[in-house]
Amino acid sequence: MTFVFNQRDVPDHPDLGAMIKRLAAGEVVSDHDFDRLYPKVVQKLSRTHWTPIAVAEMATQWLSRSGADRILDVGSGVGKFCLIGGLTTAATYVGMDTQPGMVQLSKALLKRYKIGKVQFKAGDATAESWDTFTGAYLYNPFSQRFTFQRGGASSQAVAPDLYDRQGQLVYDLLEQRQAGFRVAVYCGYGRGLPPQYTLVAAELFGAGPLELWEKTQ
């Protein structure tokens, strides 16, 4: 039987609060240390499926320093990107994911560690208006669905037609944004960027490229 994460599932070690403060102060924190915020069943998926700290820090800095002050994380998973952004930049972050269990876990972390300027919503980001956002983050958000159980976790590839359809919806939403909208893309999202976007910055990480694009037309 699958389950929904809640506050009881969030590890409560005394040193985790100190780690959060170090990260907010700009000190180096490893993915291994940060991932201890999560239940072990979630930690095991980090290397493959959750945004690395180095990527999150660079992407949130790129977005916020280029003028994006309200950023949407499409397919936010367990919330790692938004949590790091909320701790290290002045922007506001909204994470959306279709899997309520992971959203509940993200909310539990917000409550436990009192991280401001961040919120999480269960739902399909491609079915929402993006009019209130000035930036977005995409880390291949449509390729996998996860099932969590008390004893472990499993992932299943999304059907190719659904993957293509979700990618097209994001493409259309990006095309509709006003000039100045920024989007950070890590390892792609299933489509390229509309022709009205210009590549502003790029950096290669272990799993793939991180790119910052700006709508210029």
C-alpha atoms as a PDB file:
ATOM      1  CA  MET A   1       0.000   0.000   0.000  1.00  0.00           C
ATOM      2  CA  THR A   2       1.340   3.451  -0.892  1.00  0.00           C
ATOM      3  CA  PHE A   3       1.286   6.205   1.682  1.00  0.00           C
ATOM      4  CA  VAL A   4       1.348   9.972   2.027  1.00  0.00           C
ATOM      5  CA  PHE A   5       4.333  11.488   3.805  1.00  0.00           C
ATOM      6  CA  ASN A   6       3.698  13.748   6.766  1.00  0.00           C
ATOM      7  CA  GLN A   7       5.538  15.510   9.585  1.00  0.00           C
ATOM      8  CA  ARG A   8       6.282  12.220  11.370  1.00  0.00           C
ATOM      9  CA  ASP A   9       8.267  11.015   8.354  1.00  0.00           C
ATOM     10  CA  VAL A  10      10.703  13.945   8.461  1.00  0.00           C
ATOM     11  CA  PRO A  11      13.931  13.002  10.293  1.00  0.00           C
ATOM     12  CA  ASP A  12      14.523  15.037  13.438  1.00  0.00           C
ATOM     13  CA  HIS A  13      18.255  15.103  14.143  1.00  0.00           C
ATOM     14  CA  PRO A  14      19.607  18.070  16.171  1.00  0.00           C
ATOM     15  CA  ASP A  15      22.317  18.843  13.621  1.00  0.00           C
ATOM     16  CA  LEU A  16      19.911  19.203  10.679  1.00  0.00           C
ATOM     17  CA  GLY A  17      18.731  22.627  11.808  1.00  0.00           C
ATOM     18  CA  ALA A  18      22.357  23.745  12.021  1.00  0.00           C
ATOM     19  CA  MET A  19      22.960  22.420   8.518  1.00  0.00           C
ATOM     20  CA  ILE A  20      20.032  24.515   7.233  1.00  0.00           C
ATOM     21  CA  LYS A  21      21.564  27.621   8.820  1.00  0.00           C
ATOM     22  CA  ARG A  22      24.959  26.879   7.248  1.00  0.00           C
ATOM     23  CA  LEU A  23      23.390  26.573   3.811  1.00  0.00           C
ATOM     24  CA  ALA A  24      21.476  29.843   4.272  1.00  0.00           C
ATOM     25  CA  ALA A  25      24.732  31.537   5.321  1.00  0.00           C
ATOM     26  CA  GLY A  26      26.420  30.517   2.078  1.00  0.00           C
ATOM     27  CA  GLU A  27      28.541  27.700   3.468  1.00  0.00           C
ATOM     28  CA  VAL A  28      29.188  24.545   1.447  1.00  0.00           C
ATOM     29  CA  VAL A  29      26.776  21.706   2.229  1.00  0.00           C
ATOM     30  CA  SER A  30      27.007  18.324   0.490  1.00  0.00           C
ATOM     31  CA  ASP A  31      24.087  16.541  -1.125  1.00  0.00           C
ATOM     32  CA  HIS A  32      24.626  13.688   1.318  1.00  0.00           C
ATOM     33  CA  ASP A  33      24.143  16.035   4.272  1.00  0.00           C
ATOM     34  CA  PHE A  34      21.176  17.863   2.752  1.00  0.00           C
ATOM     35  CA  ASP A  35      19.408  14.658   1.795  1.00  0.00           C
ATOM     36  CA  ARG A  36      19.400  13.597   5.446  1.00  0.00           C
ATOM     37  CA  LEU A  37      16.400  15.927   5.747  1.00  0.00           C
ATOM     38  CA  TYR A  38      14.392  13.245   3.958  1.00  0.00           C
ATOM     39  CA  PRO A  39      13.246   9.735   4.902  1.00  0.00           C
ATOM     40  CA  LYS A  40      15.699   7.040   3.827  1.00  0.00           C
ATOM     41  CA  VAL A  41      13.344   5.799   1.115  1.00  0.00           C
ATOM     42  CA  VAL A  42      13.608   9.256  -0.491  1.00  0.00           C
ATOM     43  CA  GLN A  43      17.350   9.640   0.071  1.00  0.00           C
ATOM     44  CA  LYS A  44      18.014   6.552  -2.056  1.00  0.00           C
ATOM     45  CA  LEU A  45      16.573   8.275  -5.126  1.00  0.00           C
ATOM     46  CA  SER A  46      18.546  11.487  -4.755  1.00  0.00           C
ATOM     47  CA  ARG A  47      21.537  10.792  -6.980  1.00  0.00           C
ATOM     48  CA  THR A  48      19.333  10.006  -9.997  1.00  0.00           C
ATOM     49  CA  HIS A  49      16.153  12.014  -9.529  1.00  0.00           C
ATOM     50  CA  TRP A  50      16.599  15.055  -7.241  1.00  0.00           C
ATOM     51  CA  THR A  51      18.383  18.270  -8.213  1.00  0.00           C
ATOM     52  CA  PRO A  52      21.988  18.377  -6.936  1.00  0.00           C
ATOM     53  CA  ILE A  53      22.758  21.253  -4.560  1.00  0.00           C
ATOM     54  CA  ALA A  54      25.356  22.727  -6.926  1.00  0.00           C
ATOM     55  CA  VAL A  55      22.761  22.855  -9.725  1.00  0.00           C
ATOM     56  CA  ALA A  56      20.038  24.301  -7.490  1.00  0.00           C
ATOM     57  CA  GLU A  57      22.332  26.998  -6.135  1.00  0.00           C
ATOM     58  CA  MET A  58      23.525  28.033  -9.594  1.00  0.00           C
ATOM     59  CA  ALA A  59      20.047  27.930 -11.164  1.00  0.00           C
ATOM     60  CA  THR A  60      18.413  29.931  -8.365  1.00  0.00           C
ATOM     61  CA  GLN A  61      21.224  32.496  -8.459  1.00  0.00           C
ATOM     62  CA  TRP A  62      20.982  32.811 -12.241  1.00  0.00           C
ATOM     63  CA  LEU A  63      17.220  33.256 -12.129  1.00  0.00           C
ATOM     64  CA  SER A  64      17.036  35.647  -9.196  1.00  0.00           C
ATOM     65  CA  ARG A  65      19.984  37.809 -10.261  1.00  0.00           C
ATOM     66  CA  SER A  66      18.626  38.143 -13.795  1.00  0.00           C
ATOM     67  CA  GLY A  67      15.363  39.564 -12.476  1.00  0.00           C
ATOM     68  CA  ALA A  68      13.077  36.571 -11.837  1.00  0.00           C
ATOM     69  CA  ASP A  69      11.472  37.134  -8.434  1.00  0.00           C
ATOM     70  CA  ARG A  70       8.656  34.548  -8.497  1.00  0.00           C
ATOM     71  CA  ILE A  71       9.829  31.183  -9.788  1.00  0.00           C
ATOM     72  CA  LEU A  72       7.822  28.059 -10.637  1.00  0.00           C
ATOM     73  CA  ASP A  73       9.406  24.632 -10.210  1.00  0.00           C
ATOM     74  CA  VAL A  74       7.574  22.353 -12.651  1.00  0.00           C
ATOM     75  CA  GLY A  75       7.433  18.854 -11.156  1.00  0.00           C
ATOM     76  CA  SER A  76       9.014  19.840  -7.851  1.00  0.00           C
ATOM     77  CA  GLY A  77       9.310  16.292  -6.502  1.00  0.00           C
ATOM     78  CA  VAL A  78      10.411  16.384  -2.859  1.00  0.00           C
ATOM     79  CA  GLY A  79      11.045  20.124  -3.035  1.00  0.00           C
ATOM     80  CA  LYS A  80      14.841  20.265  -2.989  1.00  0.00           C
ATOM     81  CA  PHE A  81      15.209  23.026  -5.608  1.00  0.00           C
ATOM     82  CA  CYS A  82      12.635  25.317  -3.976  1.00  0.00           C
ATOM     83  CA  LEU A  83      13.961  24.740  -0.459  1.00  0.00           C
ATOM     84  CA  ILE A  84      17.498  25.653  -1.512  1.00  0.00           C
ATOM     85  CA  GLY A  85      16.262  28.687  -3.447  1.00  0.00           C
ATOM     86  CA  GLY A  86      14.223  29.876  -0.479  1.00  0.00           C
ATOM     87  CA  LEU A  87      17.251  29.573   1.787  1.00  0.00           C
ATOM     88  CA  THR A  88      19.810  31.207  -0.489  1.00  0.00           C
ATOM     89  CA  THR A  89      18.058  33.888  -2.607  1.00  0.00           C
ATOM     90  CA  ALA A  90      15.506  36.671  -2.197  1.00  0.00           C
ATOM     91  CA  ALA A  91      13.064  35.232  -4.764  1.00  0.00           C
ATOM     92  CA  THR A  92       9.789  33.466  -4.010  1.00  0.00           C
ATOM     93  CA  TYR A  93       9.415  29.836  -5.112  1.00  0.00           C
ATOM     94  CA  VAL A  94       6.339  27.755  -5.904  1.00  0.00           C
ATOM     95  CA  GLY A  95       6.787  24.023  -6.425  1.00  0.00           C
ATOM     96  CA  MET A  96       4.078  22.001  -8.150  1.00  0.00           C
ATOM     97  CA  ASP A  97       3.905  18.240  -8.516  1.00  0.00           C
ATOM     98  CA  THR A  98       1.164  15.821  -9.536  1.00  0.00           C
ATOM     99  CA  GLN A  99       2.108  13.351  -6.771  1.00  0.00           C
ATOM    100  CA  PRO A 100       0.507  14.520  -3.494  1.00  0.00           C
ATOM    101  CA  GLY A 101       2.770  12.379  -1.295  1.00  0.00           C
ATOM    102  CA  MET A 102       5.884  14.253  -2.334  1.00  0.00           C
ATOM    103  CA  VAL A 103       4.116  17.598  -1.963  1.00  0.00           C
ATOM    104  CA  GLN A 104       3.094  16.665   1.584  1.00  0.00           C
ATOM    105  CA  LEU A 105       6.701  15.788   2.397  1.00  0.00           C
ATOM    106  CA  SER A 106       7.890  19.124   0.988  1.00  0.00           C
ATOM    107  CA  LYS A 107       5.316  20.959   3.105  1.00  0.00           C
ATOM    108  CA  ALA A 108       6.381  19.018   6.194  1.00  0.00           C
ATOM    109  CA  LEU A 109       9.963  20.203   5.685  1.00  0.00           C
ATOM    110  CA  LEU A 110       8.799  23.809   5.306  1.00  0.00           C
ATOM    111  CA  LYS A 111       6.911  23.560   8.572  1.00  0.00           C
ATOM    112  CA  ARG A 112       9.686  21.779  10.470  1.00  0.00           C
ATOM    113  CA  TYR A 113      12.453  24.206   9.461  1.00  0.00           C
ATOM    114  CA  LYS A 114      10.356  27.366   8.987  1.00  0.00           C
ATOM    115  CA  ILE A 115      11.680  28.159   5.508  1.00  0.00           C
ATOM    116  CA  GLY A 116      10.015  31.269   4.106  1.00  0.00           C
ATOM    117  CA  LYS A 117       9.258  32.462   0.553  1.00  0.00           C
ATOM    118  CA  VAL A 118       8.405  28.913  -0.540  1.00  0.00           C
ATOM    119  CA  GLN A 119       5.123  27.104  -1.098  1.00  0.00           C
ATOM    120  CA  PHE A 120       4.162  23.762  -2.573  1.00  0.00           C
ATOM    121  CA  LYS A 121       0.985  22.791  -4.411  1.00  0.00           C
ATOM    122  CA  ALA A 122      -0.316  19.439  -5.598  1.00  0.00           C
ATOM    123  CA  GLY A 123      -1.376  19.620  -9.224  1.00  0.00           C
ATOM    124  CA  ASP A 124      -0.338  19.749 -12.849  1.00  0.00           C
ATOM    125  CA  ALA A 125       1.741  22.862 -13.518  1.00  0.00           C
ATOM    126  CA  THR A 126       0.903  22.672 -17.231  1.00  0.00           C
ATOM    127  CA  ALA A 127      -2.788  23.141 -16.385  1.00  0.00           C
ATOM    128  CA  GLU A 128      -2.154  26.298 -14.338  1.00  0.00           C
ATOM    129  CA  SER A 129      -1.737  29.910 -15.375  1.00  0.00           C
ATOM    130  CA  TRP A 130       1.898  31.039 -15.369  1.00  0.00           C
ATOM    131  CA  ASP A 131       0.952  34.726 -15.521  1.00  0.00           C
ATOM    132  CA  THR A 132       2.141  35.482 -11.979  1.00  0.00           C
ATOM    133  CA  PHE A 133       5.600  33.973 -12.522  1.00  0.00           C
ATOM    134  CA  THR A 134       8.699  35.680 -13.863  1.00  0.00           C
ATOM    135  CA  GLY A 135      10.806  32.528 -14.070  1.00  0.00           C
ATOM    136  CA  ALA A 136      10.623  28.731 -14.130  1.00  0.00           C
ATOM    137  CA  TYR A 137      12.808  25.703 -13.480  1.00  0.00           C
ATOM    138  CA  LEU A 138      12.624  22.467 -15.485  1.00  0.00           C
ATOM    139  CA  TYR A 139      14.510  19.306 -14.580  1.00  0.00           C
ATOM    140  CA  ASN A 140      13.144  16.674 -16.957  1.00  0.00           C
ATOM    141  CA  PRO A 141       9.888  16.768 -14.969  1.00  0.00           C
ATOM    142  CA  PHE A 142       7.741  14.341 -16.964  1.00  0.00           C
ATOM    143  CA  SER A 143       9.867  11.236 -17.446  1.00  0.00           C
ATOM    144  CA  GLN A 144       9.127   9.243 -14.251  1.00  0.00           C
ATOM    145  CA  ARG A 145       6.385   8.563 -11.727  1.00  0.00           C
ATOM    146  CA  PHE A 146       7.235   7.281  -8.254  1.00  0.00           C
ATOM    147  CA  THR A 147       5.539   4.886  -5.872  1.00  0.00           C
ATOM    148  CA  PHE A 148       6.622   5.037  -2.236  1.00  0.00           C
ATOM    149  CA  GLN A 149       6.024   2.340   0.320  1.00  0.00           C
ATOM    150  CA  ARG A 150       7.219   1.892   3.867  1.00  0.00           C
ATOM    151  CA  GLY A 151       9.727  -0.682   2.681  1.00  0.00           C
ATOM    152  CA  GLY A 152      11.047   1.060  -0.405  1.00  0.00           C
ATOM    153  CA  ALA A 153      10.286   2.959  -3.575  1.00  0.00           C
ATOM    154  CA  SER A 154       9.922   2.279  -7.265  1.00  0.00           C
ATOM    155  CA  SER A 155       9.759   4.404 -10.399  1.00  0.00           C
ATOM    156  CA  GLN A 156       8.006   3.890 -13.699  1.00  0.00           C
ATOM    157  CA  ALA A 157       8.723   5.595 -17.001  1.00  0.00           C
ATOM    158  CA  VAL A 158       5.905   7.792 -18.279  1.00  0.00           C
ATOM    159  CA  ALA A 159       4.322   6.632 -21.547  1.00  0.00           C
ATOM    160  CA  PRO A 160       5.998   8.313 -24.549  1.00  0.00           C
ATOM    161  CA  ASP A 161       2.793   9.941 -25.784  1.00  0.00           C
ATOM    162  CA  LEU A 162       2.123  11.527 -22.390  1.00  0.00           C
ATOM    163  CA  TYR A 163       5.763  12.640 -22.127  1.00  0.00           C
ATOM    164  CA  ASP A 164       5.539  14.308 -25.547  1.00  0.00           C
ATOM    165  CA  ARG A 165       2.189  15.912 -24.728  1.00  0.00           C
ATOM    166  CA  GLN A 166       3.455  17.403 -21.454  1.00  0.00           C
ATOM    167  CA  GLY A 167       6.548  18.729 -23.191  1.00  0.00           C
ATOM    168  CA  GLN A 168       4.404  20.415 -25.831  1.00  0.00           C
ATOM    169  CA  LEU A 169       2.238  22.030 -23.144  1.00  0.00           C
ATOM    170  CA  VAL A 170       5.324  23.506 -21.491  1.00  0.00           C
ATOM    171  CA  TYR A 171       6.595  24.717 -24.872  1.00  0.00           C
ATOM    172  CA  ASP A 172       3.267  26.473 -25.479  1.00  0.00           C
ATOM    173  CA  LEU A 173       3.290  28.065 -22.014  1.00  0.00           C
ATOM    174  CA  LEU A 174       6.843  29.322 -22.521  1.00  0.00           C
ATOM    175  CA  GLU A 175       5.869  30.746 -25.898  1.00  0.00           C
ATOM    176  CA  GLN A 176       3.022  32.708 -24.273  1.00  0.00           C
ATOM    177  CA  ARG A 177       5.216  34.436 -21.681  1.00  0.00           C
ATOM    178  CA  GLN A 178       6.097  38.109 -21.905  1.00  0.00           C
ATOM    179  CA  ALA A 179       9.573  39.294 -22.867  1.00  0.00           C
ATOM    180  CA  GLY A 180      11.953  39.043 -19.918  1.00  0.00           C
ATOM    181  CA  PHE A 181      10.684  35.683 -18.666  1.00  0.00           C
ATOM    182  CA  ARG A 182      13.575  33.421 -17.625  1.00  0.00           C
ATOM    183  CA  VAL A 183      13.738  29.651 -17.520  1.00  0.00           C
ATOM    184  CA  ALA A 184      16.496  27.431 -16.145  1.00  0.00           C
ATOM    185  CA  VAL A 185      16.600  23.969 -17.748  1.00  0.00           C
ATOM    186  CA  TYR A 186      18.609  21.063 -16.358  1.00  0.00           C
ATOM    187  CA  CYS A 187      18.895  17.929 -18.514  1.00  0.00           C
ATOM    188  CA  GLY A 188      16.057  19.083 -20.770  1.00  0.00           C
ATOM    189  CA  TYR A 189      12.297  18.689 -20.526  1.00  0.00           C
ATOM    190  CA  GLY A 190      11.368  16.860 -23.732  1.00  0.00           C
ATOM    191  CA  ARG A 191      11.377  19.813 -26.118  1.00  0.00           C
ATOM    192  CA  GLY A 192      13.636  22.663 -27.119  1.00  0.00           C
ATOM    193  CA  LEU A 193      12.997  26.307 -26.253  1.00  0.00           C
ATOM    194  CA  PRO A 194      10.746  28.456 -28.466  1.00  0.00           C
ATOM    195  CA  PRO A 195      12.678  30.602 -30.980  1.00  0.00           C
ATOM    196  CA  GLN A 196      11.875  33.781 -29.023  1.00  0.00           C
ATOM    197  CA  TYR A 197      14.288  32.631 -26.270  1.00  0.00           C
ATOM    198  CA  THR A 198      17.992  33.438 -26.122  1.00  0.00           C
ATOM    199  CA  LEU A 199      20.552  31.340 -24.264  1.00  0.00           C
ATOM    200  CA  VAL A 200      22.067  33.516 -21.532  1.00  0.00           C
ATOM    201  CA  ALA A 201      24.297  31.079 -19.638  1.00  0.00           C
ATOM    202  CA  ALA A 202      25.247  27.404 -19.638  1.00  0.00           C
ATOM    203  CA  GLU A 203      27.211  25.105 -17.350  1.00  0.00           C
ATOM    204  CA  LEU A 204      27.902  21.386 -17.654  1.00  0.00           C
ATOM    205  CA  PHE A 205      27.310  19.213 -14.596  1.00  0.00           C
ATOM    206  CA  GLY A 206      27.743  15.465 -14.178  1.00  0.00           C
ATOM    207  CA  ALA A 207      24.279  14.460 -15.354  1.00  0.00           C
ATOM    208  CA  GLY A 208      23.980  17.038 -18.107  1.00  0.00           C
ATOM    209  CA  PRO A 209      23.806  20.737 -18.973  1.00  0.00           C
ATOM    210  CA  LEU A 210      22.201  23.505 -16.948  1.00  0.00           C
ATOM    211  CA  GLU A 211      21.026  26.360 -19.169  1.00  0.00           C
ATOM    212  CA  LEU A 212      19.469  29.766 -18.515  1.00  0.00           C
ATOM    213  CA  TRP A 213      17.206  31.163 -21.233  1.00  0.00           C
ATOM    214  CA  GLU A 214      15.474  34.525 -21.525  1.00  0.00           C
ATOM    215  CA  LYS A 215      12.504  35.452 -23.681  1.00  0.00           C
ATOM    216  CA  THR A 216      13.696  38.388 -25.752  1.00  0.00           C
ATOM    217  CA  GLN A 217      10.759  38.875 -28.116  1.00  0.00           C
END
